[in-house]
Amino acid sequence: MDVVYLFCEFGVTRVPLFGYDERLFRLCVGQGGEWDRVCRQFIFRHGINSEQFSQNPGIVFVRVEKNSPVPVSISGFLGRPWEQAADDTDSKQEASVCADVSLAVAPTFQPLPEKFPEHWQIKLEDKLRSRKYSPRTMRSYVYYNRLLCQTIQKTPEEILPEDTTQFLATVEKARKYSTSSLNLAISAIKFFYTEVMRNKSIVGQHRPRQDGRLPVILSRDEINKILEVENNPKHRLLLMLAYSSGLRVSEVVALKRGHIDIDRKTVYVRLGKGRKDRHTLLSDKVAGLLAEYCAFIGTETWLFPGQPASRHLSVRSAQYVFEKALRRAEIPKKASIHSLRHTFATHLLENGTDIRYIQELLGHNSIRTTERYTHVARRGALRIRSPLDDPGDGEG
């Protein structure tokens, strides 16, 4: 029985064949495979008809996903289709065959070769630094351009406009990229080809429409539950600041002791999104806890030190703190730590705060971004009554 491995990465499937087998070659060619003579493998860029593969007797097809140490899908047993689950009568026989396959020496999953040369990466980074882009944006721009070349398996000079369309479709299907991630990838590719390679033929990609999702908002009772279940003073203060000051998670973890002005009851946000400074509110309750917290933690620079203490707490650690508190509070909403910022804006709006002031506190460029909170604010707080609750004096 022949064992054939299918390696799946970024929507591209590779089938290495180390010896000539006319039956397998004809099967792969018939499926649209491209023969790579150097690496001795077939490359499938548009998927494989797995049912046709599984109908070939005497061949076991093992599908291996990227970063998976073991096969995650095996096909070809008992003439069963790829996705169909085995029934009880087949389980013993299939288990024994699976065991035999697992004991075989499987080839190591080798990622697709890199096609984005180092000299282009250096030029891209230099151009980004000259424009004073943030380190996070620089990493993202380099990542997406490397991913484009690796996925399409072409160098930057060989990339064509239709390749970018294929790349975006591939990562959206294989990785379920959100609209914002796809837009970031488009921005990264456009910047590289326009500003670095001086090639404007690649930049004609239309951007996907933004999802019209409303933010998840927590009630005041839910906020209190989250804070009550968090006994760690450092984590509790972090969550309190994120909510009471409307901070992004990247902003709250990067706070320093000098950014808190207790006398003026303000929080200074240095180089927030868009590399903009701003001031926001400092809660009286948070101000009362800060002195005790700083004495307890002994922090010298960062308000929330990480590991090592010379660095601030990571964004992922802060996200985990919130996720754990949300579970302990038994709140079923699909909220994230960013929901605290959404809740801050919504509660201010419900309290009658002018929306222009909320825009300034959040650091939004456009009032339209802030206006979305009017769609989730409680109608009673905005003095809007349903016509069923206010039928009027009579029929008109």
Protein backbone atom coordinates (compact mmCIF):
# COMPACT_ATOMS: atom_id res chain seq x y z
CA MET A 1 0.00 0.00 0.00
CA ASP A 2 1.36 3.41 -1.01
CA VAL A 3 1.36 6.25 1.55
CA VAL A 4 1.20 9.75 0.02
CA TYR A 5 1.54 12.88 2.17
CA LEU A 6 -0.34 16.08 1.36
CA PHE A 7 1.23 19.15 3.02
CA CYS A 8 -1.17 22.10 3.31
CA GLU A 9 0.06 25.65 3.89
CA PHE A 10 -1.58 29.03 3.10
CA GLY A 11 -4.13 27.31 0.86
CA VAL A 12 -1.37 25.64 -1.18
CA THR A 13 -1.08 21.84 -1.11
CA ARG A 14 2.22 20.08 -1.86
CA VAL A 15 2.62 16.38 -2.65
CA PRO A 16 6.27 15.20 -2.59
CA LEU A 17 6.99 12.12 -4.72
CA PHE A 18 10.48 10.66 -4.39
CA GLY A 19 10.09 7.99 -7.03
CA TYR A 20 8.31 7.81 -10.39
CA ASP A 21 4.88 6.21 -10.19
CA GLU A 22 2.89 6.63 -13.42
CA ARG A 23 -0.45 6.17 -11.65
CA LEU A 24 0.28 8.85 -9.04
CA PHE A 25 1.72 11.23 -11.62
CA ARG A 26 -1.35 10.94 -13.84
CA LEU A 27 -3.61 11.41 -10.83
CA CYS A 28 -1.80 14.58 -9.71
CA VAL A 29 -1.66 16.03 -13.20
CA GLY A 30 -5.35 15.35 -13.65
CA GLN A 31 -6.03 17.30 -10.45
CA GLY A 32 -4.19 20.36 -11.81
CA GLY A 33 -0.89 19.81 -10.02
CA GLU A 34 2.27 21.63 -11.16
CA TRP A 35 5.43 19.49 -11.12
CA ASP A 36 8.41 21.05 -9.31
CA ARG A 37 11.46 19.25 -10.71
CA VAL A 38 13.88 20.77 -8.19
CA CYS A 39 11.97 19.79 -5.05
CA ARG A 40 10.38 16.74 -6.76
CA GLN A 41 6.85 17.57 -5.71
CA PHE A 42 3.47 18.52 -7.15
CA ILE A 43 2.05 21.92 -6.13
CA PHE A 44 -1.71 22.48 -6.04
CA ARG A 45 -2.62 26.17 -5.80
CA HIS A 46 -6.41 25.84 -6.02
CA GLY A 47 -7.15 22.90 -3.76
CA ILE A 48 -7.58 19.18 -4.42
CA ASN A 49 -10.64 17.04 -5.09
CA SER A 50 -10.09 14.83 -2.06
CA GLU A 51 -12.93 12.44 -2.92
CA GLN A 52 -11.26 11.54 -6.22
CA PHE A 53 -8.02 10.81 -4.37
CA SER A 54 -9.76 8.66 -1.77
CA GLN A 55 -11.40 6.46 -4.41
CA ASN A 56 -8.08 5.03 -5.56
CA PRO A 57 -7.50 1.59 -4.00
CA GLY A 58 -4.09 0.78 -2.59
CA ILE A 59 -3.25 4.43 -1.76
CA VAL A 60 -3.38 6.02 1.67
CA PHE A 61 -3.42 9.82 1.60
CA VAL A 62 -2.27 11.55 4.80
CA ARG A 63 -3.10 15.28 5.07
CA VAL A 64 -0.68 17.32 7.21
CA GLU A 65 -1.46 20.93 8.16
CA LYS A 66 1.22 23.53 8.94
CA ASN A 67 2.48 23.42 12.56
CA SER A 68 0.71 20.11 13.13
CA PRO A 69 3.13 17.45 14.51
CA VAL A 70 0.85 14.57 13.41
CA PRO A 71 -1.48 13.94 10.46
CA VAL A 72 -4.87 15.51 11.07
CA SER A 73 -6.80 13.76 8.30
CA ILE A 74 -6.28 10.37 6.69
CA SER A 75 -8.08 9.21 3.56
CA GLY A 76 -8.26 6.12 1.43
CA PHE A 77 -9.44 3.55 3.96
CA LEU A 78 -12.26 1.21 2.96
CA GLY A 79 -13.24 3.45 0.05
CA ARG A 80 -14.62 6.02 2.53
CA PRO A 81 -14.94 9.71 1.41
CA TRP A 82 -12.48 12.18 2.93
CA GLU A 83 -14.81 14.03 5.31
CA GLN A 84 -17.12 11.10 6.18
CA ALA A 85 -16.75 9.83 9.74
CA ALA A 86 -16.02 6.13 10.28
CA ASP A 87 -18.83 4.01 11.70
CA ASP A 88 -18.46 1.54 14.55
CA THR A 89 -17.97 -1.47 12.26
CA ASP A 90 -14.96 0.15 10.58
CA SER A 91 -13.29 1.56 13.71
CA LYS A 92 -11.14 -1.46 14.63
CA GLN A 93 -9.86 -2.04 11.10
CA GLU A 94 -9.18 1.67 10.50
CA ALA A 95 -7.45 2.02 13.87
CA SER A 96 -5.04 -0.78 13.00
CA VAL A 97 -4.25 0.78 9.60
CA CYS A 98 -3.80 4.20 11.24
CA ALA A 99 -1.39 2.67 13.70
CA ASP A 100 0.65 1.19 10.85
CA VAL A 101 0.76 4.56 9.09
CA SER A 102 1.73 6.40 12.28
CA LEU A 103 4.64 4.03 12.80
CA ALA A 104 5.94 4.79 9.33
CA VAL A 105 8.58 7.49 9.07
CA ALA A 106 6.71 10.53 7.80
CA PRO A 107 8.60 13.27 5.96
CA THR A 108 9.08 16.44 7.98
CA PHE A 109 6.78 19.33 7.13
CA GLN A 110 8.95 21.82 5.30
CA PRO A 111 7.53 25.34 4.91
CA LEU A 112 7.39 26.97 1.51
CA PRO A 113 10.73 28.55 0.56
CA GLU A 114 11.21 32.24 1.34
CA LYS A 115 10.99 34.48 -1.73
CA PHE A 116 11.34 37.92 -0.12
CA PRO A 117 15.09 38.73 -0.24
CA GLU A 118 16.82 40.38 2.72
CA HIS A 119 17.91 43.43 0.70
CA TRP A 120 14.26 44.26 -0.08
CA GLN A 121 13.36 43.88 3.57
CA ILE A 122 16.14 46.29 4.56
CA LYS A 123 14.97 48.85 1.98
CA LEU A 124 11.37 48.53 3.19
CA GLU A 125 12.39 49.00 6.83
CA ASP A 126 14.54 52.04 5.96
CA LYS A 127 11.66 53.67 4.10
CA LEU A 128 9.30 53.02 7.00
CA ARG A 129 11.78 54.42 9.54
CA SER A 130 12.24 57.55 7.43
CA ARG A 131 8.46 58.08 7.66
CA LYS A 132 8.56 57.48 11.44
CA TYR A 133 6.23 54.47 11.33
CA SER A 134 5.75 52.64 14.62
CA PRO A 135 7.70 49.40 15.25
CA ARG A 136 4.45 47.46 15.25
CA THR A 137 3.49 48.79 11.80
CA MET A 138 6.97 48.06 10.49
CA ARG A 139 6.74 44.44 11.62
CA SER A 140 3.30 44.09 10.02
CA TYR A 141 4.39 45.59 6.68
CA VAL A 142 7.43 43.33 6.46
CA TYR A 143 5.37 40.30 7.48
CA TYR A 144 2.64 40.75 4.86
CA ASN A 145 5.10 41.34 2.02
CA ARG A 146 7.09 38.26 3.00
CA LEU A 147 3.85 36.29 3.25
CA LEU A 148 2.78 37.45 -0.23
CA CYS A 149 6.00 36.25 -1.85
CA GLN A 150 6.04 33.01 0.12
CA THR A 151 2.42 32.16 -0.64
CA ILE A 152 2.63 32.94 -4.37
CA GLN A 153 6.21 31.56 -4.53
CA LYS A 154 7.52 34.52 -6.51
CA THR A 155 10.12 37.19 -5.82
CA PRO A 156 8.94 40.84 -5.52
CA GLU A 157 10.07 41.53 -9.09
CA GLU A 158 7.91 38.67 -10.40
CA ILE A 159 4.68 39.60 -8.59
CA LEU A 160 1.82 40.58 -10.90
CA PRO A 161 -1.43 42.44 -10.06
CA GLU A 162 -3.45 39.22 -10.27
CA ASP A 163 -1.06 37.60 -7.77
CA THR A 164 -2.14 40.02 -5.04
CA THR A 165 -5.78 39.13 -5.67
CA GLN A 166 -4.95 35.42 -5.45
CA PHE A 167 -2.94 36.01 -2.27
CA LEU A 168 -5.77 37.89 -0.52
CA ALA A 169 -8.29 35.23 -1.51
CA THR A 170 -5.96 32.49 -0.28
CA VAL A 171 -5.29 33.96 3.17
CA GLU A 172 -8.96 34.90 3.63
CA LYS A 173 -9.98 31.30 2.92
CA ALA A 174 -7.15 29.50 4.72
CA ARG A 175 -6.75 31.81 7.71
CA LYS A 176 -10.20 33.44 7.89
CA TYR A 177 -8.65 36.93 7.86
CA SER A 178 -10.92 39.73 9.05
CA THR A 179 -11.64 42.82 6.96
CA SER A 180 -9.18 44.88 9.01
CA SER A 181 -6.41 42.29 8.50
CA LEU A 182 -7.02 42.23 4.75
CA ASN A 183 -6.92 46.03 4.63
CA LEU A 184 -3.65 46.04 6.57
CA ALA A 185 -2.19 43.53 4.11
CA ILE A 186 -3.28 45.73 1.19
CA SER A 187 -1.72 48.81 2.80
CA ALA A 188 1.55 46.93 3.39
CA ILE A 189 1.74 45.70 -0.21
CA LYS A 190 0.82 49.09 -1.68
CA PHE A 191 3.45 50.87 0.41
CA PHE A 192 6.20 48.48 -0.63
CA TYR A 193 5.46 48.55 -4.35
CA THR A 194 4.70 52.28 -4.53
CA GLU A 195 7.35 53.71 -2.21
CA VAL A 196 10.15 51.13 -2.42
CA MET A 197 9.90 49.43 -5.80
CA ARG A 198 8.30 52.42 -7.58
CA ASN A 199 5.85 50.07 -9.26
CA LYS A 200 2.31 51.44 -9.28
CA SER A 201 0.80 48.60 -11.31
CA ILE A 202 0.34 46.51 -8.16
CA VAL A 203 -1.72 49.05 -6.20
CA GLY A 204 -5.08 48.68 -7.97
CA GLN A 205 -6.53 46.24 -5.43
CA HIS A 206 -9.98 47.25 -4.16
CA ARG A 207 -10.37 47.22 -0.40
CA PRO A 208 -13.02 44.96 1.17
CA ARG A 209 -15.95 46.64 2.85
CA GLN A 210 -15.73 47.01 6.60
CA ASP A 211 -17.93 44.73 8.67
CA GLY A 212 -20.85 46.59 10.22
CA ARG A 213 -20.52 44.91 13.61
CA LEU A 214 -21.55 46.71 16.77
CA PRO A 215 -19.18 46.68 19.76
CA VAL A 216 -19.84 44.42 22.75
CA ILE A 217 -20.93 46.54 25.73
CA LEU A 218 -20.87 45.46 29.37
CA SER A 219 -23.41 46.68 31.91
CA ARG A 220 -22.37 48.44 35.10
CA ASP A 221 -23.24 45.33 37.10
CA GLU A 222 -21.03 43.23 34.82
CA ILE A 223 -18.14 45.67 35.23
CA ASN A 224 -18.50 45.44 39.01
CA LYS A 225 -18.53 41.62 38.86
CA ILE A 226 -15.32 41.56 36.81
CA LEU A 227 -13.56 43.86 39.26
CA GLU A 228 -14.84 41.96 42.30
CA VAL A 229 -13.54 38.56 41.16
CA GLU A 230 -10.05 39.94 40.41
CA ASN A 231 -8.09 39.73 43.68
CA ASN A 232 -4.65 40.54 42.25
CA PRO A 233 -4.16 44.29 42.96
CA LYS A 234 -2.02 44.79 39.85
CA HIS A 235 -4.53 43.12 37.54
CA ARG A 236 -7.49 44.80 39.21
CA LEU A 237 -5.97 48.26 38.78
CA LEU A 238 -5.17 47.48 35.13
CA LEU A 239 -8.80 46.60 34.40
CA MET A 240 -10.04 49.62 36.35
CA LEU A 241 -7.84 51.98 34.33
CA ALA A 242 -8.79 50.41 30.99
CA TYR A 243 -12.49 50.96 31.78
CA SER A 244 -12.45 54.23 33.74
CA SER A 245 -10.11 56.03 31.30
CA GLY A 246 -11.19 54.42 28.02
CA LEU A 247 -7.70 53.18 27.18
CA ARG A 248 -6.66 50.76 24.47
CA VAL A 249 -4.88 47.69 25.80
CA SER A 250 -1.61 48.82 24.16
CA GLU A 251 -1.97 52.17 25.95
CA VAL A 252 -2.77 50.89 29.42
CA VAL A 253 0.16 48.42 29.56
CA ALA A 254 2.59 51.19 28.45
CA LEU A 255 1.61 53.64 31.21
CA LYS A 256 4.39 55.00 33.40
CA ARG A 257 4.08 56.47 36.88
CA GLY A 258 4.80 59.93 35.47
CA HIS A 259 1.80 59.65 33.12
CA ILE A 260 -0.66 59.84 36.02
CA ASP A 261 -1.50 63.32 37.34
CA ILE A 262 -3.45 62.76 40.54
CA ASP A 263 -3.87 66.50 41.29
CA ARG A 264 -5.47 67.25 37.92
CA LYS A 265 -7.16 63.81 37.72
CA THR A 266 -5.83 63.12 34.23
CA VAL A 267 -4.02 60.28 32.46
CA TYR A 268 -1.45 61.22 29.83
CA VAL A 269 -1.43 58.86 26.85
CA ARG A 270 1.87 59.16 25.00
CA LEU A 271 1.99 58.17 21.33
CA GLY A 272 -1.38 56.46 21.13
CA LYS A 273 -2.83 55.15 17.90
CA GLY A 274 -1.64 57.30 15.00
CA ARG A 275 1.33 58.44 17.15
CA LYS A 276 -0.84 61.05 18.86
CA ASP A 277 -0.63 62.24 22.46
CA ARG A 278 -3.80 62.95 24.45
CA HIS A 279 -5.18 63.32 27.96
CA THR A 280 -8.10 61.37 29.37
CA LEU A 281 -9.96 61.00 32.67
CA LEU A 282 -8.56 59.62 35.93
CA SER A 283 -11.19 58.08 38.18
CA ASP A 284 -11.33 59.17 41.82
CA LYS A 285 -11.41 55.51 42.86
CA VAL A 286 -8.32 54.74 40.78
CA ALA A 287 -6.51 57.80 42.16
CA GLY A 288 -7.22 56.57 45.70
CA LEU A 289 -5.66 53.17 44.97
CA LEU A 290 -2.56 54.34 43.10
CA ALA A 291 -0.43 55.40 46.07
CA GLU A 292 -1.08 52.15 47.91
CA TYR A 293 -0.49 50.12 44.74
CA CYS A 294 2.83 51.80 43.87
CA ALA A 295 4.09 51.26 47.42
CA PHE A 296 3.04 47.60 47.28
CA ILE A 297 4.44 46.84 43.81
CA GLY A 298 7.55 49.01 44.17
CA THR A 299 7.42 49.99 40.51
CA GLU A 300 9.95 52.60 39.40
CA THR A 301 9.17 53.19 35.74
CA TRP A 302 6.31 51.13 34.33
CA LEU A 303 3.00 51.21 36.13
CA PHE A 304 2.48 47.57 35.16
CA PRO A 305 5.92 45.95 34.92
CA GLY A 306 6.29 42.67 33.09
CA GLN A 307 8.96 39.99 32.98
CA PRO A 308 11.65 41.24 33.21
CA ALA A 309 10.67 44.34 35.20
CA SER A 310 12.57 46.53 32.74
CA ARG A 311 9.71 45.91 30.27
CA HIS A 312 6.04 46.67 30.65
CA LEU A 313 3.36 43.99 30.81
CA SER A 314 2.68 42.48 27.39
CA VAL A 315 -0.58 43.08 25.54
CA ARG A 316 -1.29 39.36 25.48
CA SER A 317 -0.85 39.11 29.24
CA ALA A 318 -3.34 41.94 29.76
CA GLN A 319 -5.81 40.23 27.43
CA TYR A 320 -5.44 37.00 29.39
CA VAL A 321 -6.10 38.84 32.68
CA PHE A 322 -9.41 40.11 31.32
CA GLU A 323 -10.40 36.76 29.77
CA LYS A 324 -9.79 34.97 33.07
CA ALA A 325 -11.78 37.56 35.04
CA LEU A 326 -14.65 37.35 32.53
CA ARG A 327 -14.86 33.57 32.99
CA ARG A 328 -14.71 33.81 36.78
CA ALA A 329 -17.46 36.42 36.74
CA GLU A 330 -19.55 33.95 34.66
CA ILE A 331 -20.41 36.55 32.03
CA PRO A 332 -21.47 34.79 28.79
CA LYS A 333 -20.80 37.74 26.46
CA LYS A 334 -18.05 37.40 23.84
CA ALA A 335 -16.18 40.38 25.20
CA SER A 336 -12.49 41.28 25.07
CA ILE A 337 -10.42 43.74 27.07
CA HIS A 338 -11.15 46.27 24.28
CA SER A 339 -14.82 46.00 25.30
CA LEU A 340 -13.89 48.03 28.41
CA ARG A 341 -13.02 50.97 26.14
CA HIS A 342 -16.30 50.56 24.23
CA THR A 343 -18.17 50.40 27.52
CA PHE A 344 -16.45 53.55 28.80
CA ALA A 345 -17.63 55.53 25.76
CA THR A 346 -21.15 54.12 25.88
CA HIS A 347 -21.62 54.80 29.60
CA LEU A 348 -20.39 58.39 29.17
CA LEU A 349 -22.87 58.87 26.33
CA GLU A 350 -25.68 57.46 28.45
CA ASN A 351 -24.72 59.85 31.24
CA GLY A 352 -25.29 62.79 28.90
CA THR A 353 -21.65 63.59 28.08
CA ASP A 354 -21.25 65.55 24.85
CA ILE A 355 -20.15 63.26 22.03
CA ARG A 356 -17.42 65.71 20.95
CA TYR A 357 -15.83 65.42 24.38
CA ILE A 358 -16.02 61.62 24.19
CA GLN A 359 -14.30 61.80 20.80
CA GLU A 360 -11.44 63.79 22.35
CA LEU A 361 -11.08 61.40 25.29
CA LEU A 362 -10.93 58.38 22.97
CA GLY A 363 -8.56 60.03 20.50
CA HIS A 364 -10.77 59.45 17.44
CA ASN A 365 -9.91 61.36 14.27
CA SER A 366 -13.49 61.38 13.03
CA ILE A 367 -16.72 61.99 14.92
CA ARG A 368 -18.27 59.22 12.80
CA THR A 369 -16.15 56.66 14.66
CA THR A 370 -17.52 57.89 17.98
CA GLU A 371 -21.10 58.06 16.73
CA ARG A 372 -21.34 54.27 16.50
CA TYR A 373 -21.81 54.20 20.28
CA THR A 374 -25.21 55.84 19.81
CA HIS A 375 -26.33 52.53 18.28
CA VAL A 376 -25.56 50.57 21.45
CA ALA A 377 -26.44 53.13 24.15
CA ARG A 378 -29.59 52.41 26.16
CA ARG A 379 -32.51 54.21 24.54
CA GLY A 380 -33.90 55.20 27.96
CA ALA A 381 -30.69 57.04 28.83
CA LEU A 382 -30.89 58.89 25.50
CA ARG A 383 -34.52 59.79 26.20
CA ILE A 384 -35.79 57.82 23.22
CA ARG A 385 -39.10 56.06 23.76
CA SER A 386 -40.56 53.23 21.73
CA PRO A 387 -43.86 54.17 20.05
CA LEU A 388 -45.42 51.16 21.82
CA ASP A 389 -44.52 52.69 25.18
CA ASP A 390 -45.77 56.13 24.12
CA PRO A 391 -48.89 55.62 21.97
CA GLY A 392 -49.88 59.31 22.02
CA ASP A 393 -53.25 60.93 22.59
CA GLY A 394 -55.13 59.17 19.86
CA GLU A 395 -55.15 58.03 16.27
CA GLY A 396 -53.97 60.48 13.65
